[in-house]
Amino acid sequence: MLERAERRARRANVEVRWVEGDMRAFSFDESFALIFIAANTFLMLKPDDRWACLARVREHLAPRGRFAIDVFQPDPNLIAGMEGGVIDEWEREDPETGRLVRKFSSTRANVDGVTQRIWFEEIGDDGTVRRVGGTTTLHYLWRRETELLFSEAGFKVESLHGDYDGGPVDAASRKLLAVGKRKERGTGRERRRT
């Protein structure tokens, strides 16, 4: 993914520093105006690991900076209705290769999260199918939990959105986009643990 991102940045003539690391344990000698955790990756953290991640974010956020997460909002009807079934999610053309790629998924859920198997099938020029995939466990993050988590970790929620157009978040929203800023240091769990 980092190699592909580098290629795209070069094509767009954009200078980006790409760093591979663990969002629970990163350390830099600088602060940032924006720290953004995209594409549901925050959901890969177990609930206890979220505290470590948020502590690192808080330490590295500039005083007037913003912190944002982009996650899906769980839909209880989908969770209950798709238990173990295979979903044909989409078919698209890969912009780099021009080949068709189809995405499939299958999930098993419990009250804490979902174990999701995702695979992609790419059709080669000769008609052969190449399959790439993996399994991951995602831990749900609900709107009210987000508000409490941000507050306890030393952030003030500045805005919540249910889509990329800035629409409000409600029970039917497919996305949960949260933006926060640092609160003054308190005595809560946002303090770094040793």
C-alpha atoms as a PDB file:
ATOM      1  CA  MET A   1       0.000   0.000   0.000  1.00  0.00           C
ATOM      2  CA  LEU A   2       2.826   2.407   0.796  1.00  0.00           C
ATOM      3  CA  GLU A   3       4.493   1.706  -2.565  1.00  0.00           C
ATOM      4  CA  ARG A   4       1.227   2.385  -4.388  1.00  0.00           C
ATOM      5  CA  ALA A   5       0.689   5.574  -2.362  1.00  0.00           C
ATOM      6  CA  GLU A   6       4.210   6.741  -3.219  1.00  0.00           C
ATOM      7  CA  ARG A   7       3.601   6.178  -6.934  1.00  0.00           C
ATOM      8  CA  ARG A   8       0.341   8.117  -6.807  1.00  0.00           C
ATOM      9  CA  ALA A   9       1.942  10.983  -4.891  1.00  0.00           C
ATOM     10  CA  ARG A  10       4.743  11.215  -7.467  1.00  0.00           C
ATOM     11  CA  ARG A  11       2.218  11.217 -10.338  1.00  0.00           C
ATOM     12  CA  ALA A  12       0.254  13.987  -8.613  1.00  0.00           C
ATOM     13  CA  ASN A  13       3.513  15.871  -7.936  1.00  0.00           C
ATOM     14  CA  VAL A  14       2.759  15.924  -4.208  1.00  0.00           C
ATOM     15  CA  GLU A  15       5.466  15.607  -1.583  1.00  0.00           C
ATOM     16  CA  VAL A  16       4.463  13.198   1.183  1.00  0.00           C
ATOM     17  CA  ARG A  17       6.577  11.496   3.827  1.00  0.00           C
ATOM     18  CA  TRP A  18       5.325   7.921   4.204  1.00  0.00           C
ATOM     19  CA  VAL A  19       6.097   6.133   7.475  1.00  0.00           C
ATOM     20  CA  GLU A  20       5.217   2.545   8.315  1.00  0.00           C
ATOM     21  CA  GLY A  21       4.598   2.032  12.019  1.00  0.00           C
ATOM     22  CA  ASP A  22       2.317   1.023  14.832  1.00  0.00           C
ATOM     23  CA  MET A  23      -0.375   3.576  15.660  1.00  0.00           C
ATOM     24  CA  ARG A  24      -0.187   2.498  19.307  1.00  0.00           C
ATOM     25  CA  ALA A  25       3.524   3.281  19.700  1.00  0.00           C
ATOM     26  CA  PHE A  26       4.717   5.969  17.257  1.00  0.00           C
ATOM     27  CA  SER A  27       7.106   8.698  18.355  1.00  0.00           C
ATOM     28  CA  PHE A  28       8.330  11.749  16.455  1.00  0.00           C
ATOM     29  CA  ASP A  29      10.202  14.889  17.491  1.00  0.00           C
ATOM     30  CA  GLU A  30       7.511  17.077  16.009  1.00  0.00           C
ATOM     31  CA  SER A  31       3.830  17.893  16.310  1.00  0.00           C
ATOM     32  CA  PHE A  32       1.217  17.933  13.581  1.00  0.00           C
ATOM     33  CA  ALA A  33      -1.692  20.188  12.641  1.00  0.00           C
ATOM     34  CA  LEU A  34      -3.727  17.154  11.543  1.00  0.00           C
ATOM     35  CA  ILE A  35      -3.605  13.501  12.520  1.00  0.00           C
ATOM     36  CA  PHE A  36      -6.036  11.381  10.541  1.00  0.00           C
ATOM     37  CA  ILE A  37      -6.788   7.682  10.985  1.00  0.00           C
ATOM     38  CA  ALA A  38      -8.528   6.593   7.794  1.00  0.00           C
ATOM     39  CA  ALA A  39     -10.303   3.658   6.202  1.00  0.00           C
ATOM     40  CA  ASN A  40     -11.618   1.885   9.320  1.00  0.00           C
ATOM     41  CA  THR A  41      -8.099   1.151  10.606  1.00  0.00           C
ATOM     42  CA  PHE A  42      -8.992   2.475  14.078  1.00  0.00           C
ATOM     43  CA  LEU A  43     -11.462  -0.426  14.298  1.00  0.00           C
ATOM     44  CA  MET A  44      -8.554  -2.888  14.071  1.00  0.00           C
ATOM     45  CA  LEU A  45      -7.423  -1.820  17.533  1.00  0.00           C
ATOM     46  CA  LYS A  46      -8.698  -3.809  20.474  1.00  0.00           C
ATOM     47  CA  PRO A  47     -10.563  -1.566  22.910  1.00  0.00           C
ATOM     48  CA  ASP A  48      -7.600  -1.401  25.335  1.00  0.00           C
ATOM     49  CA  ASP A  49      -5.159  -0.565  22.505  1.00  0.00           C
ATOM     50  CA  ARG A  50      -7.260   2.459  21.592  1.00  0.00           C
ATOM     51  CA  TRP A  51      -6.034   4.226  24.724  1.00  0.00           C
ATOM     52  CA  ALA A  52      -2.391   3.833  23.673  1.00  0.00           C
ATOM     53  CA  CYS A  53      -3.155   5.126  20.179  1.00  0.00           C
ATOM     54  CA  LEU A  54      -5.069   8.136  21.464  1.00  0.00           C
ATOM     55  CA  ALA A  55      -2.282   8.968  23.926  1.00  0.00           C
ATOM     56  CA  ARG A  56       0.252   9.003  21.052  1.00  0.00           C
ATOM     57  CA  VAL A  57      -2.078  11.158  18.961  1.00  0.00           C
ATOM     58  CA  ARG A  58      -2.560  13.609  21.816  1.00  0.00           C
ATOM     59  CA  GLU A  59       1.199  13.875  22.400  1.00  0.00           C
ATOM     60  CA  HIS A  60       1.850  14.632  18.732  1.00  0.00           C
ATOM     61  CA  LEU A  61      -1.038  16.991  18.037  1.00  0.00           C
ATOM     62  CA  ALA A  62      -0.153  20.684  17.738  1.00  0.00           C
ATOM     63  CA  PRO A  63      -1.955  22.915  20.277  1.00  0.00           C
ATOM     64  CA  ARG A  64      -4.483  24.131  17.686  1.00  0.00           C
ATOM     65  CA  GLY A  65      -4.385  20.880  15.694  1.00  0.00           C
ATOM     66  CA  ARG A  66      -7.189  18.498  14.819  1.00  0.00           C
ATOM     67  CA  PHE A  67      -7.546  14.732  15.090  1.00  0.00           C
ATOM     68  CA  ALA A  68      -9.961  12.808  12.856  1.00  0.00           C
ATOM     69  CA  ILE A  69     -11.075   9.224  12.437  1.00  0.00           C
ATOM     70  CA  ASP A  70     -12.994   7.689   9.540  1.00  0.00           C
ATOM     71  CA  VAL A  71     -14.866   4.482  10.387  1.00  0.00           C
ATOM     72  CA  PHE A  72     -18.039   2.764   9.271  1.00  0.00           C
ATOM     73  CA  GLN A  73     -20.996   2.901  11.606  1.00  0.00           C
ATOM     74  CA  PRO A  74     -22.191  -0.634  12.365  1.00  0.00           C
ATOM     75  CA  ASP A  75     -25.629  -1.523  11.058  1.00  0.00           C
ATOM     76  CA  PRO A  76     -27.273  -4.051  13.424  1.00  0.00           C
ATOM     77  CA  ASN A  77     -29.567  -5.341  10.665  1.00  0.00           C
ATOM     78  CA  LEU A  78     -26.625  -6.152   8.399  1.00  0.00           C
ATOM     79  CA  ILE A  79     -24.657  -7.678  11.261  1.00  0.00           C
ATOM     80  CA  ALA A  80     -27.478 -10.053  12.174  1.00  0.00           C
ATOM     81  CA  GLY A  81     -28.633 -10.730   8.626  1.00  0.00           C
ATOM     82  CA  MET A  82     -25.344 -11.626   6.952  1.00  0.00           C
ATOM     83  CA  GLU A  83     -23.844 -14.026   9.482  1.00  0.00           C
ATOM     84  CA  GLY A  84     -21.318 -16.057   7.481  1.00  0.00           C
ATOM     85  CA  GLY A  85     -22.859 -15.313   4.088  1.00  0.00           C
ATOM     86  CA  VAL A  86     -20.734 -14.251   1.130  1.00  0.00           C
ATOM     87  CA  ILE A  87     -21.377 -10.728  -0.140  1.00  0.00           C
ATOM     88  CA  ASP A  88     -20.391  -9.661  -3.656  1.00  0.00           C
ATOM     89  CA  GLU A  89     -19.598  -6.034  -2.759  1.00  0.00           C
ATOM     90  CA  TRP A  90     -18.467  -4.449  -6.019  1.00  0.00           C
ATOM     91  CA  GLU A  91     -16.596  -4.717  -9.299  1.00  0.00           C
ATOM     92  CA  ARG A  92     -14.283  -1.933 -10.493  1.00  0.00           C
ATOM     93  CA  GLU A  93     -11.498  -1.297 -12.908  1.00  0.00           C
ATOM     94  CA  ASP A  94      -8.084  -0.956 -11.255  1.00  0.00           C
ATOM     95  CA  PRO A  95      -6.894   2.491 -12.415  1.00  0.00           C
ATOM     96  CA  GLU A  96      -3.255   1.331 -12.481  1.00  0.00           C
ATOM     97  CA  THR A  97      -3.658  -1.937 -14.415  1.00  0.00           C
ATOM     98  CA  GLY A  98      -6.959  -1.430 -16.230  1.00  0.00           C
ATOM     99  CA  ARG A  99      -8.052  -4.919 -15.079  1.00  0.00           C
ATOM    100  CA  LEU A 100     -11.400  -5.705 -13.481  1.00  0.00           C
ATOM    101  CA  VAL A 101     -11.278  -6.351  -9.735  1.00  0.00           C
ATOM    102  CA  ARG A 102     -14.184  -7.758  -7.739  1.00  0.00           C
ATOM    103  CA  LYS A 103     -14.457  -7.543  -3.930  1.00  0.00           C
ATOM    104  CA  PHE A 104     -16.131 -10.228  -1.784  1.00  0.00           C
ATOM    105  CA  SER A 105     -16.583 -10.457   1.981  1.00  0.00           C
ATOM    106  CA  SER A 106     -17.952 -12.741   4.653  1.00  0.00           C
ATOM    107  CA  THR A 107     -18.401 -11.853   8.332  1.00  0.00           C
ATOM    108  CA  ARG A 108     -19.150 -13.409  11.683  1.00  0.00           C
ATOM    109  CA  ALA A 109     -20.097 -11.043  14.489  1.00  0.00           C
ATOM    110  CA  ASN A 110     -20.561 -10.910  18.239  1.00  0.00           C
ATOM    111  CA  VAL A 111     -21.360  -8.058  20.631  1.00  0.00           C
ATOM    112  CA  ASP A 112     -17.783  -6.727  20.557  1.00  0.00           C
ATOM    113  CA  GLY A 113     -16.966  -6.820  16.875  1.00  0.00           C
ATOM    114  CA  VAL A 114     -16.765  -8.715  13.657  1.00  0.00           C
ATOM    115  CA  THR A 115     -14.325 -11.154  12.142  1.00  0.00           C
ATOM    116  CA  GLN A 116     -14.293 -10.296   8.486  1.00  0.00           C
ATOM    117  CA  ARG A 117     -12.824 -12.241   5.596  1.00  0.00           C
ATOM    118  CA  ILE A 118     -12.240 -10.090   2.519  1.00  0.00           C
ATOM    119  CA  TRP A 119     -10.898 -11.173  -0.825  1.00  0.00           C
ATOM    120  CA  PHE A 120     -10.374  -9.559  -4.189  1.00  0.00           C
ATOM    121  CA  GLU A 121     -10.407 -11.335  -7.520  1.00  0.00           C
ATOM    122  CA  GLU A 122      -8.559  -9.779 -10.451  1.00  0.00           C
ATOM    123  CA  ILE A 123      -9.194 -11.022 -13.969  1.00  0.00           C
ATOM    124  CA  GLY A 124      -5.993 -11.147 -16.029  1.00  0.00           C
ATOM    125  CA  ASP A 125      -5.690 -10.344 -19.720  1.00  0.00           C
ATOM    126  CA  ASP A 126      -5.718 -14.082 -20.471  1.00  0.00           C
ATOM    127  CA  GLY A 127      -8.858 -14.674 -18.376  1.00  0.00           C
ATOM    128  CA  THR A 128      -7.087 -16.171 -15.365  1.00  0.00           C
ATOM    129  CA  VAL A 129      -8.324 -15.119 -11.945  1.00  0.00           C
ATOM    130  CA  ARG A 130      -5.892 -14.048  -9.238  1.00  0.00           C
ATOM    131  CA  ARG A 131      -7.293 -14.033  -5.693  1.00  0.00           C
ATOM    132  CA  VAL A 132      -5.817 -11.998  -2.829  1.00  0.00           C
ATOM    133  CA  GLY A 133      -7.367 -11.718   0.607  1.00  0.00           C
ATOM    134  CA  GLY A 134      -7.147 -11.947   4.323  1.00  0.00           C
ATOM    135  CA  THR A 135      -9.018 -12.048   7.586  1.00  0.00           C
ATOM    136  CA  THR A 136      -9.207  -9.360  10.223  1.00  0.00           C
ATOM    137  CA  THR A 137     -11.160  -8.645  13.369  1.00  0.00           C
ATOM    138  CA  LEU A 138     -12.758  -5.227  13.686  1.00  0.00           C
ATOM    139  CA  HIS A 139     -13.991  -3.840  16.993  1.00  0.00           C
ATOM    140  CA  TYR A 140     -17.059  -1.683  16.612  1.00  0.00           C
ATOM    141  CA  LEU A 141     -17.106   1.979  17.518  1.00  0.00           C
ATOM    142  CA  TRP A 142     -20.507   3.518  18.069  1.00  0.00           C
ATOM    143  CA  ARG A 143     -21.302   7.236  18.093  1.00  0.00           C
ATOM    144  CA  ARG A 144     -21.855   7.572  21.847  1.00  0.00           C
ATOM    145  CA  GLU A 145     -18.787   5.455  22.561  1.00  0.00           C
ATOM    146  CA  THR A 146     -16.758   7.757  20.286  1.00  0.00           C
ATOM    147  CA  GLU A 147     -17.877  10.816  22.231  1.00  0.00           C
ATOM    148  CA  LEU A 148     -16.966   9.201  25.565  1.00  0.00           C
ATOM    149  CA  LEU A 149     -13.670   7.784  24.269  1.00  0.00           C
ATOM    150  CA  PHE A 150     -12.536  11.123  22.859  1.00  0.00           C
ATOM    151  CA  SER A 151     -13.442  12.936  26.073  1.00  0.00           C
ATOM    152  CA  GLU A 152     -11.704  10.431  28.358  1.00  0.00           C
ATOM    153  CA  ALA A 153      -8.593  10.476  26.131  1.00  0.00           C
ATOM    154  CA  GLY A 154      -8.265  14.263  26.413  1.00  0.00           C
ATOM    155  CA  PHE A 155     -10.063  15.450  23.278  1.00  0.00           C
ATOM    156  CA  LYS A 156     -13.101  17.610  22.694  1.00  0.00           C
ATOM    157  CA  VAL A 157     -15.322  16.377  19.863  1.00  0.00           C
ATOM    158  CA  GLU A 158     -15.566  19.270  17.455  1.00  0.00           C
ATOM    159  CA  SER A 159     -17.821  17.624  14.894  1.00  0.00           C
ATOM    160  CA  LEU A 160     -19.415  14.323  13.930  1.00  0.00           C
ATOM    161  CA  HIS A 161     -20.483  13.519  10.372  1.00  0.00           C
ATOM    162  CA  GLY A 162     -22.411  10.679   8.786  1.00  0.00           C
ATOM    163  CA  ASP A 163     -20.947  11.077   5.293  1.00  0.00           C
ATOM    164  CA  TYR A 164     -18.100  12.733   3.385  1.00  0.00           C
ATOM    165  CA  ASP A 165     -20.313  15.685   2.489  1.00  0.00           C
ATOM    166  CA  GLY A 166     -20.530  16.729   6.159  1.00  0.00           C
ATOM    167  CA  GLY A 167     -24.066  15.486   6.741  1.00  0.00           C
ATOM    168  CA  PRO A 168     -25.203  14.796  10.304  1.00  0.00           C
ATOM    169  CA  VAL A 169     -24.633  11.394  11.856  1.00  0.00           C
ATOM    170  CA  ASP A 170     -27.743   9.454  12.844  1.00  0.00           C
ATOM    171  CA  ALA A 171     -28.769   5.824  13.264  1.00  0.00           C
ATOM    172  CA  ALA A 172     -28.991   5.323   9.483  1.00  0.00           C
ATOM    173  CA  SER A 173     -25.590   6.853   8.644  1.00  0.00           C
ATOM    174  CA  ARG A 174     -23.145   4.445   7.025  1.00  0.00           C
ATOM    175  CA  LYS A 175     -20.097   6.445   8.146  1.00  0.00           C
ATOM    176  CA  LEU A 176     -18.908   7.883  11.432  1.00  0.00           C
ATOM    177  CA  LEU A 177     -16.442  10.699  10.856  1.00  0.00           C
ATOM    178  CA  ALA A 178     -15.257  12.293  14.086  1.00  0.00           C
ATOM    179  CA  VAL A 179     -13.075  15.396  14.387  1.00  0.00           C
ATOM    180  CA  GLY A 180     -11.618  16.486  17.708  1.00  0.00           C
ATOM    181  CA  LYS A 181      -9.106  18.823  19.249  1.00  0.00           C
ATOM    182  CA  ARG A 182      -7.017  18.600  22.400  1.00  0.00           C
ATOM    183  CA  LYS A 183      -8.486  19.622  25.724  1.00  0.00           C
ATOM    184  CA  GLU A 184      -6.232  21.059  28.389  1.00  0.00           C
ATOM    185  CA  ARG A 185      -4.286  18.284  30.068  1.00  0.00           C
ATOM    186  CA  GLY A 186      -6.326  16.624  32.771  1.00  0.00           C
ATOM    187  CA  THR A 187      -5.808  13.791  35.152  1.00  0.00           C
ATOM    188  CA  GLY A 188      -7.631  11.158  33.116  1.00  0.00           C
ATOM    189  CA  ARG A 189      -6.479   8.275  30.949  1.00  0.00           C
ATOM    190  CA  GLU A 190      -4.923  10.570  28.350  1.00  0.00           C
ATOM    191  CA  ARG A 191      -1.717  10.691  30.414  1.00  0.00           C
ATOM    192  CA  ARG A 192       1.038   8.509  28.990  1.00  0.00           C
ATOM    193  CA  ARG A 193       1.534   5.227  30.761  1.00  0.00           C
ATOM    194  CA  THR A 194       5.003   3.840  31.384  1.00  0.00           C
END
